[in-house]
Amino acid sequence: MSNKNDYNTALLIHLSAFLGYLFPFGGVVGPLVIWESKKRESDFLDKNGKEAINFNLSFLLYTFVLGISILPFAFRSIFSEIHHIDLFGIISMGSIIGVLAMIKFVLIILAAIKANQGEIYKYPLTIKFIK
């Protein structure tokens, strides 16, 4: 049975993903540290922690793949004989990453609210790294 303290801890697990905006890999390390220290206290915390970590790892993977997809545009700009910059390609990929970051922000807030209400939020498009 979960209590208000568990709900607040689950809220903290989800909100700790914002550490990714301050530190490299903070979005994964923050929830991982809290989850690892609290997962044995309740099943509710264990499930919320897994969801938060899986979402942040998935987001990290998606961002990495999109970041890699910008490289051909950058190399084309550097090694082009015409010496023009393919701004459309770079800006469009950067915009996609920006939209993904905004979606991540909203989903973290939604998950934190649900966790504080005693629910387990299932993030969309999440790869289950930890089962």
Protein backbone atom coordinates (compact mmCIF):
# COMPACT_ATOMS: atom_id res chain seq x y z
CA MET A 1 0.00 0.00 0.00
CA SER A 2 1.41 3.36 -1.01
CA ASN A 3 1.21 6.46 1.13
CA LYS A 4 1.66 10.20 0.58
CA ASN A 5 5.40 9.92 1.26
CA ASP A 6 5.70 7.40 -1.59
CA TYR A 7 3.72 9.73 -3.86
CA ASN A 8 6.06 12.61 -3.06
CA THR A 9 9.13 10.44 -3.65
CA ALA A 10 7.72 9.28 -7.00
CA LEU A 11 7.10 12.93 -7.89
CA LEU A 12 10.74 13.65 -7.07
CA ILE A 13 11.90 10.71 -9.21
CA HIS A 14 10.11 12.14 -12.24
CA LEU A 15 11.13 15.76 -11.60
CA SER A 16 14.78 14.79 -11.09
CA ALA A 17 14.91 14.23 -14.85
CA PHE A 18 15.21 18.02 -15.16
CA LEU A 19 18.79 17.63 -13.91
CA GLY A 20 19.52 16.77 -17.53
CA TYR A 21 19.17 20.45 -18.34
CA LEU A 22 21.94 21.25 -15.84
CA PHE A 23 24.35 18.31 -16.09
CA PRO A 24 25.27 15.91 -18.89
CA PHE A 25 23.33 12.65 -18.36
CA GLY A 26 21.64 14.22 -15.30
CA GLY A 27 18.26 13.26 -16.72
CA VAL A 28 19.18 9.61 -16.34
CA VAL A 29 21.44 9.75 -13.28
CA GLY A 30 19.00 11.75 -11.11
CA PRO A 31 16.05 9.34 -11.39
CA LEU A 32 18.42 6.35 -11.26
CA VAL A 33 19.95 7.39 -7.94
CA ILE A 34 16.60 8.06 -6.28
CA TRP A 35 15.02 4.91 -7.71
CA GLU A 36 17.95 2.72 -6.69
CA SER A 37 17.80 3.97 -3.10
CA LYS A 38 13.99 3.69 -2.77
CA LYS A 39 12.87 0.81 -5.02
CA ARG A 40 12.78 -1.73 -2.19
CA GLU A 41 10.49 0.45 -0.06
CA SER A 42 7.40 0.04 -2.24
CA ASP A 43 6.23 -1.43 -5.50
CA PHE A 44 4.80 1.97 -6.44
CA LEU A 45 8.24 3.61 -6.27
CA ASP A 46 9.81 0.73 -8.15
CA LYS A 47 7.35 1.01 -11.04
CA ASN A 48 7.55 4.82 -11.23
CA GLY A 49 11.35 4.70 -11.14
CA LYS A 50 11.50 2.18 -13.96
CA GLU A 51 9.14 4.27 -16.06
CA ALA A 52 11.17 7.44 -15.46
CA ILE A 53 14.51 5.78 -16.22
CA ASN A 54 13.24 3.99 -19.31
CA PHE A 55 11.74 7.22 -20.64
CA ASN A 56 14.90 9.23 -20.05
CA LEU A 57 17.11 6.55 -21.61
CA SER A 58 14.77 6.38 -24.61
CA PHE A 59 14.82 10.16 -24.94
CA LEU A 60 18.61 10.16 -24.74
CA LEU A 61 18.77 7.55 -27.51
CA TYR A 62 16.30 9.46 -29.72
CA THR A 63 18.23 12.71 -29.24
CA PHE A 64 21.51 10.99 -30.02
CA VAL A 65 20.14 9.50 -33.25
CA LEU A 66 18.69 12.85 -34.33
CA GLY A 67 21.98 14.55 -33.46
CA ILE A 68 23.89 12.05 -35.58
CA SER A 69 21.49 12.72 -38.46
CA ILE A 70 22.68 16.35 -38.55
CA LEU A 71 26.26 15.28 -39.34
CA PRO A 72 25.74 14.69 -43.09
CA PHE A 73 24.46 18.25 -43.46
CA ALA A 74 27.41 19.60 -41.48
CA PHE A 75 29.97 17.59 -43.47
CA ARG A 76 28.35 18.64 -46.72
CA SER A 77 28.66 22.27 -45.65
CA ILE A 78 32.30 21.88 -44.65
CA PHE A 79 33.49 19.89 -47.67
CA SER A 80 31.30 21.44 -50.34
CA GLU A 81 33.10 22.96 -53.31
CA ILE A 82 30.55 25.75 -53.45
CA HIS A 83 31.08 26.56 -49.75
CA HIS A 84 27.43 27.11 -48.98
CA ILE A 85 25.88 26.07 -45.74
CA ASP A 86 22.91 23.72 -45.82
CA LEU A 87 20.99 25.73 -43.26
CA PHE A 88 17.67 24.11 -44.10
CA GLY A 89 18.91 20.66 -43.11
CA ILE A 90 20.65 21.81 -39.95
CA ILE A 91 17.76 24.01 -38.81
CA SER A 92 15.13 21.38 -39.55
CA MET A 93 16.96 18.70 -37.55
CA GLY A 94 17.65 21.19 -34.76
CA SER A 95 13.97 22.12 -34.73
CA ILE A 96 12.98 18.47 -34.39
CA ILE A 97 15.33 18.11 -31.41
CA GLY A 98 13.84 21.30 -29.90
CA VAL A 99 10.29 20.01 -30.31
CA LEU A 100 11.35 16.70 -28.75
CA ALA A 101 12.78 18.61 -25.77
CA MET A 102 9.49 20.47 -25.30
CA ILE A 103 7.55 17.21 -25.46
CA LYS A 104 9.90 15.72 -22.87
CA PHE A 105 9.30 18.70 -20.58
CA VAL A 106 5.52 18.32 -20.79
CA LEU A 107 5.60 14.54 -20.31
CA ILE A 108 7.79 14.84 -17.21
CA ILE A 109 5.35 17.33 -15.68
CA LEU A 110 2.39 15.06 -16.51
CA ALA A 111 4.14 12.05 -14.99
CA ALA A 112 5.02 13.98 -11.84
CA ILE A 113 1.41 15.11 -11.40
CA LYS A 114 0.12 11.57 -11.91
CA ALA A 115 2.69 10.17 -9.47
CA ASN A 116 1.68 12.72 -6.85
CA GLN A 117 -1.94 11.57 -7.32
CA GLY A 118 -0.94 7.95 -6.73
CA GLU A 119 -0.97 6.80 -10.36
CA ILE A 120 1.78 5.22 -12.45
CA TYR A 121 2.22 7.21 -15.66
CA LYS A 122 3.17 5.24 -18.77
CA TYR A 123 5.33 7.44 -20.98
CA PRO A 124 4.59 7.09 -24.71
CA LEU A 125 7.20 5.71 -27.15
CA THR A 126 9.38 4.37 -24.35
CA ILE A 127 11.76 1.49 -24.86
CA LYS A 128 11.74 -0.90 -21.88
CA PHE A 129 15.43 -1.05 -20.99
CA ILE A 130 14.63 -1.97 -17.37
CA LYS A 131 11.76 -4.42 -16.94
